Amino acid sequence: MSEIDAKTVRDWKKAGTYDPRRVRTKDGTVVELKQEELSTEFLITRKGEPPASQWKSGMENCHSLGLSPDQKYVAFICELNGVIVAALK
């Protein structure tokens, strides 16, 4: 983990898109934080493919999904682990 500079934070705020549970990139990739009882599943669905589970939390709510300005990353909050940033490879 590392800190990010203030300019990067401002850029995300200006150009990033936000949804509590689901965002879509310009190329049609859908990223979801699917709530299942007290757990959250992190899913990526690429255009023309079935959803791919990246991981599932155990008893942790994750939310506040945000897409980076360049649409290469998503960030979200997990209540026990803090802010998570994941690359959309």
C-alpha atoms as a PDB file:
ATOM      1  CA  MET A   1       0.000   0.000   0.000  1.00  0.00           C
ATOM      2  CA  SER A   2       1.020   3.559  -0.593  1.00  0.00           C
ATOM      3  CA  GLU A   3      -0.452   7.024  -0.290  1.00  0.00           C
ATOM      4  CA  ILE A   4      -1.634   8.944  -3.335  1.00  0.00           C
ATOM      5  CA  ASP A   5      -1.033  12.614  -3.987  1.00  0.00           C
ATOM      6  CA  ALA A   6      -3.710  15.299  -3.774  1.00  0.00           C
ATOM      7  CA  LYS A   7      -3.748  15.856  -7.569  1.00  0.00           C
ATOM      8  CA  THR A   8      -4.683  12.209  -8.168  1.00  0.00           C
ATOM      9  CA  VAL A   9      -7.540  12.500  -5.664  1.00  0.00           C
ATOM     10  CA  ARG A  10      -8.817  15.673  -7.397  1.00  0.00           C
ATOM     11  CA  ASP A  11      -8.626  13.990 -10.820  1.00  0.00           C
ATOM     12  CA  TRP A  12     -10.693  11.016  -9.580  1.00  0.00           C
ATOM     13  CA  LYS A  13     -13.294  13.368  -8.113  1.00  0.00           C
ATOM     14  CA  LYS A  14     -13.627  15.368 -11.358  1.00  0.00           C
ATOM     15  CA  ALA A  15     -13.676  12.617 -13.960  1.00  0.00           C
ATOM     16  CA  GLY A  16     -14.542   9.456 -12.060  1.00  0.00           C
ATOM     17  CA  THR A  17     -17.966   7.879 -12.082  1.00  0.00           C
ATOM     18  CA  TYR A  18     -19.539   6.582  -8.894  1.00  0.00           C
ATOM     19  CA  ASP A  19     -22.238   4.128  -7.880  1.00  0.00           C
ATOM     20  CA  PRO A  20     -22.598   2.304  -4.576  1.00  0.00           C
ATOM     21  CA  ARG A  21     -22.645  -1.156  -6.188  1.00  0.00           C
ATOM     22  CA  ARG A  22     -22.115  -1.063  -9.993  1.00  0.00           C
ATOM     23  CA  VAL A  23     -20.145   0.859 -12.644  1.00  0.00           C
ATOM     24  CA  ARG A  24     -19.715   0.364 -16.403  1.00  0.00           C
ATOM     25  CA  THR A  25     -16.651   1.349 -18.444  1.00  0.00           C
ATOM     26  CA  LYS A  26     -16.837   2.825 -21.948  1.00  0.00           C
ATOM     27  CA  ASP A  27     -15.843  -0.574 -23.412  1.00  0.00           C
ATOM     28  CA  GLY A  28     -18.835  -2.252 -21.714  1.00  0.00           C
ATOM     29  CA  THR A  29     -17.033  -3.895 -18.780  1.00  0.00           C
ATOM     30  CA  VAL A  30     -19.314  -4.013 -15.719  1.00  0.00           C
ATOM     31  CA  VAL A  31     -17.866  -4.037 -12.204  1.00  0.00           C
ATOM     32  CA  GLU A  32     -20.161  -4.975  -9.336  1.00  0.00           C
ATOM     33  CA  LEU A  33     -20.096  -5.316  -5.579  1.00  0.00           C
ATOM     34  CA  LYS A  34     -22.883  -7.849  -5.119  1.00  0.00           C
ATOM     35  CA  GLN A  35     -24.325  -7.991  -1.619  1.00  0.00           C
ATOM     36  CA  GLU A  36     -25.173 -11.493  -0.358  1.00  0.00           C
ATOM     37  CA  GLU A  37     -26.499 -11.390   3.201  1.00  0.00           C
ATOM     38  CA  LEU A  38     -23.555 -10.045   5.253  1.00  0.00           C
ATOM     39  CA  SER A  39     -20.894 -10.677   2.565  1.00  0.00           C
ATOM     40  CA  THR A  40     -19.898  -8.915  -0.652  1.00  0.00           C
ATOM     41  CA  GLU A  41     -18.790 -10.498  -3.925  1.00  0.00           C
ATOM     42  CA  PHE A  42     -16.529  -8.536  -6.303  1.00  0.00           C
ATOM     43  CA  LEU A  43     -17.529  -9.342  -9.909  1.00  0.00           C
ATOM     44  CA  ILE A  44     -16.146  -8.221 -13.264  1.00  0.00           C
ATOM     45  CA  THR A  45     -18.173  -8.878 -16.414  1.00  0.00           C
ATOM     46  CA  ARG A  46     -16.425  -8.175 -19.692  1.00  0.00           C
ATOM     47  CA  LYS A  47     -18.506  -7.617 -22.815  1.00  0.00           C
ATOM     48  CA  GLY A  48     -19.721 -10.962 -24.201  1.00  0.00           C
ATOM     49  CA  GLU A  49     -18.435 -12.984 -21.222  1.00  0.00           C
ATOM     50  CA  PRO A  50     -20.098 -14.348 -18.079  1.00  0.00           C
ATOM     51  CA  PRO A  51     -19.461 -12.595 -14.745  1.00  0.00           C
ATOM     52  CA  ALA A  52     -16.093 -13.498 -13.206  1.00  0.00           C
ATOM     53  CA  SER A  53     -15.890 -13.518  -9.410  1.00  0.00           C
ATOM     54  CA  GLN A  54     -12.661 -11.915  -8.195  1.00  0.00           C
ATOM     55  CA  TRP A  55     -13.292 -12.668  -4.502  1.00  0.00           C
ATOM     56  CA  LYS A  56     -16.002 -12.849  -1.876  1.00  0.00           C
ATOM     57  CA  SER A  57     -15.726 -11.288   1.552  1.00  0.00           C
ATOM     58  CA  GLY A  58     -16.609 -13.127   4.700  1.00  0.00           C
ATOM     59  CA  MET A  59     -19.051 -11.028   6.725  1.00  0.00           C
ATOM     60  CA  GLU A  60     -17.864  -7.676   5.346  1.00  0.00           C
ATOM     61  CA  ASN A  61     -19.905  -5.030   3.554  1.00  0.00           C
ATOM     62  CA  CYS A  62     -18.124  -3.326   0.650  1.00  0.00           C
ATOM     63  CA  HIS A  63     -19.655  -0.351  -1.170  1.00  0.00           C
ATOM     64  CA  SER A  64     -19.121   3.075  -2.773  1.00  0.00           C
ATOM     65  CA  LEU A  65     -17.659   1.832  -6.046  1.00  0.00           C
ATOM     66  CA  GLY A  66     -15.808   4.489  -8.061  1.00  0.00           C
ATOM     67  CA  LEU A  67     -14.254   4.254 -11.526  1.00  0.00           C
ATOM     68  CA  SER A  68     -10.954   6.058 -12.165  1.00  0.00           C
ATOM     69  CA  PRO A  69     -10.758   8.801 -14.818  1.00  0.00           C
ATOM     70  CA  ASP A  70      -8.736   6.545 -17.149  1.00  0.00           C
ATOM     71  CA  GLN A  71     -11.124   3.620 -16.466  1.00  0.00           C
ATOM     72  CA  LYS A  72      -8.222   1.302 -15.579  1.00  0.00           C
ATOM     73  CA  TYR A  73      -9.023   1.068 -11.854  1.00  0.00           C
ATOM     74  CA  VAL A  74     -11.931   0.915  -9.449  1.00  0.00           C
ATOM     75  CA  ALA A  75     -11.902   1.975  -5.826  1.00  0.00           C
ATOM     76  CA  PHE A  76     -14.341   1.057  -3.072  1.00  0.00           C
ATOM     77  CA  ILE A  77     -14.709   0.889   0.690  1.00  0.00           C
ATOM     78  CA  CYS A  78     -14.725  -2.326   2.690  1.00  0.00           C
ATOM     79  CA  GLU A  79     -15.888  -1.683   6.231  1.00  0.00           C
ATOM     80  CA  LEU A  80     -13.186  -3.803   7.896  1.00  0.00           C
ATOM     81  CA  ASN A  81     -10.284  -3.236   5.479  1.00  0.00           C
ATOM     82  CA  GLY A  82     -10.664   0.388   4.321  1.00  0.00           C
ATOM     83  CA  VAL A  83     -10.302   1.697   0.779  1.00  0.00           C
ATOM     84  CA  ILE A  84      -9.439  -0.901  -1.872  1.00  0.00           C
ATOM     85  CA  VAL A  85      -8.149  -0.015  -5.355  1.00  0.00           C
ATOM     86  CA  ALA A  86      -8.238  -2.781  -7.985  1.00  0.00           C
ATOM     87  CA  ALA A  87      -6.828  -2.786 -11.518  1.00  0.00           C
ATOM     88  CA  LEU A  88      -9.192  -3.730 -14.352  1.00  0.00           C
ATOM     89  CA  LYS A  89      -6.771  -5.741 -16.487  1.00  0.00           C
END
